[in-house]
Amino acid sequence: MLVFANLLNAVAVILNSLIWFVMLMVIARVIMSWVNADPYNPIVRFIISSTDPLLIPLQRKLPLRVGAIDFTPVVFLILLTFLQAFLVQTLADYSLKIRTHEIMGSSS
């Protein structure tokens, strides 16, 4: 069971890192929209092509545009924060519970 606990913990760590990376990409995209970045820059193209598949479906379901301001990235960041707080923490807590149970069970 200790191996399973370590696996859950590793999944939690990797998922947490991926969520942070996506958050940074979305924040970079928002900042790029403010400064009118060069659309031919490879970094700009990478960020846009990476975040479009995540933001466009949400924009279709929730039209959150007020004038020229699109609030979809804010909603998406809130959803990612929820995933980070709920899913990642649940995996980490469950991993800790398994480890604690293993230690308590083996010391008896």
Protein backbone atom coordinates (compact mmCIF):
# COMPACT_ATOMS: atom_id res chain seq x y z
CA MET A 1 0.00 0.00 0.00
CA LEU A 2 2.95 2.31 0.58
CA VAL A 3 3.76 2.17 -3.13
CA PHE A 4 0.18 3.22 -3.95
CA ALA A 5 0.45 6.09 -1.48
CA ASN A 6 3.66 7.25 -3.17
CA LEU A 7 1.97 6.97 -6.56
CA LEU A 8 -0.95 9.12 -5.39
CA ASN A 9 1.44 11.66 -3.96
CA ALA A 10 3.43 11.78 -7.21
CA VAL A 11 0.22 12.26 -9.22
CA ALA A 12 -0.78 15.10 -6.87
CA VAL A 13 2.61 16.81 -7.28
CA ILE A 14 2.59 16.49 -11.08
CA LEU A 15 -1.03 17.65 -11.32
CA ASN A 16 -0.25 20.63 -9.11
CA SER A 17 2.70 21.56 -11.34
CA LEU A 18 0.61 21.23 -14.50
CA ILE A 19 -2.14 23.42 -13.04
CA TRP A 20 0.42 26.09 -12.10
CA PHE A 21 1.91 25.95 -15.61
CA VAL A 22 -1.51 26.38 -17.23
CA MET A 23 -2.30 29.25 -14.85
CA LEU A 24 0.91 31.02 -15.83
CA MET A 25 0.13 30.48 -19.53
CA VAL A 26 -3.34 32.00 -19.14
CA ILE A 27 -1.95 34.95 -17.18
CA ALA A 28 0.71 35.46 -19.87
CA ARG A 29 -2.00 35.42 -22.51
CA VAL A 30 -4.01 38.05 -20.66
CA ILE A 31 -0.93 40.27 -20.32
CA MET A 32 -0.15 39.78 -24.02
CA SER A 33 -3.66 40.96 -24.91
CA TRP A 34 -3.03 44.16 -22.96
CA VAL A 35 0.30 44.99 -24.64
CA ASN A 36 -0.63 43.93 -28.17
CA ALA A 37 2.21 41.41 -28.57
CA ASP A 38 3.66 40.48 -31.95
CA PRO A 39 1.50 37.62 -33.32
CA TYR A 40 4.46 36.26 -35.33
CA ASN A 41 6.65 35.77 -32.27
CA PRO A 42 7.03 32.00 -31.65
CA ILE A 43 6.50 32.37 -27.90
CA VAL A 44 3.31 34.36 -28.43
CA ARG A 45 2.06 31.81 -30.96
CA PHE A 46 2.85 28.95 -28.56
CA ILE A 47 0.96 30.58 -25.69
CA ILE A 48 -2.06 31.37 -27.85
CA SER A 49 -2.16 27.91 -29.44
CA SER A 50 -1.81 26.31 -26.01
CA THR A 51 -4.53 28.30 -24.29
CA ASP A 52 -7.08 28.50 -27.13
CA PRO A 53 -8.29 24.89 -26.72
CA LEU A 54 -8.86 25.60 -23.03
CA LEU A 55 -10.53 29.00 -23.27
CA ILE A 56 -12.61 28.79 -26.47
CA PRO A 57 -15.05 26.10 -25.19
CA LEU A 58 -15.61 28.16 -22.04
CA GLN A 59 -16.14 31.30 -24.14
CA ARG A 60 -18.80 29.48 -26.15
CA LYS A 61 -20.67 28.23 -23.07
CA LEU A 62 -20.29 31.40 -21.00
CA PRO A 63 -20.20 34.59 -23.05
CA LEU A 64 -18.50 36.74 -20.42
CA ARG A 65 -17.50 39.67 -22.59
CA VAL A 66 -18.34 43.13 -21.28
CA GLY A 67 -17.46 45.63 -23.95
CA ALA A 68 -13.89 44.90 -24.99
CA ILE A 69 -13.06 43.01 -21.78
CA ASP A 70 -13.30 39.21 -21.75
CA PHE A 71 -13.70 37.72 -18.28
CA THR A 72 -13.36 34.11 -19.45
CA PRO A 73 -9.71 33.83 -18.32
CA VAL A 74 -10.72 34.94 -14.83
CA VAL A 75 -13.41 32.23 -14.65
CA PHE A 76 -10.94 29.68 -16.00
CA LEU A 77 -8.35 30.65 -13.37
CA ILE A 78 -11.01 30.27 -10.67
CA LEU A 79 -11.83 26.79 -11.99
CA LEU A 80 -8.14 25.86 -11.97
CA THR A 81 -7.80 27.14 -8.41
CA PHE A 82 -10.76 24.99 -7.41
CA LEU A 83 -9.16 21.94 -9.03
CA GLN A 84 -5.92 22.68 -7.27
CA ALA A 85 -7.57 23.12 -3.89
CA PHE A 86 -9.93 20.16 -4.22
CA LEU A 87 -8.42 17.47 -6.42
CA VAL A 88 -4.72 17.93 -5.71
CA GLN A 89 -5.30 18.33 -1.99
CA THR A 90 -7.61 15.30 -1.89
CA LEU A 91 -4.97 13.13 -3.56
CA ALA A 92 -2.27 14.39 -1.21
CA ASP A 93 -4.45 13.89 1.88
CA TYR A 94 -5.46 10.40 0.79
CA SER A 95 -1.82 9.53 0.21
CA LEU A 96 -0.96 10.77 3.70
CA LYS A 97 -3.84 8.80 5.20
CA ILE A 98 -2.60 5.60 3.54
CA ARG A 99 0.94 6.23 4.79
CA THR A 100 -0.27 6.95 8.32
CA HIS A 101 -2.41 3.82 8.30
CA GLU A 102 0.56 1.76 7.06
CA ILE A 103 2.83 3.13 9.80
CA MET A 104 0.20 2.61 12.53
CA GLY A 105 -0.59 -0.89 11.26
CA SER A 106 3.05 -2.00 11.07
CA SER A 107 3.96 -0.74 14.56
CA SER A 108 1.24 -2.81 16.25
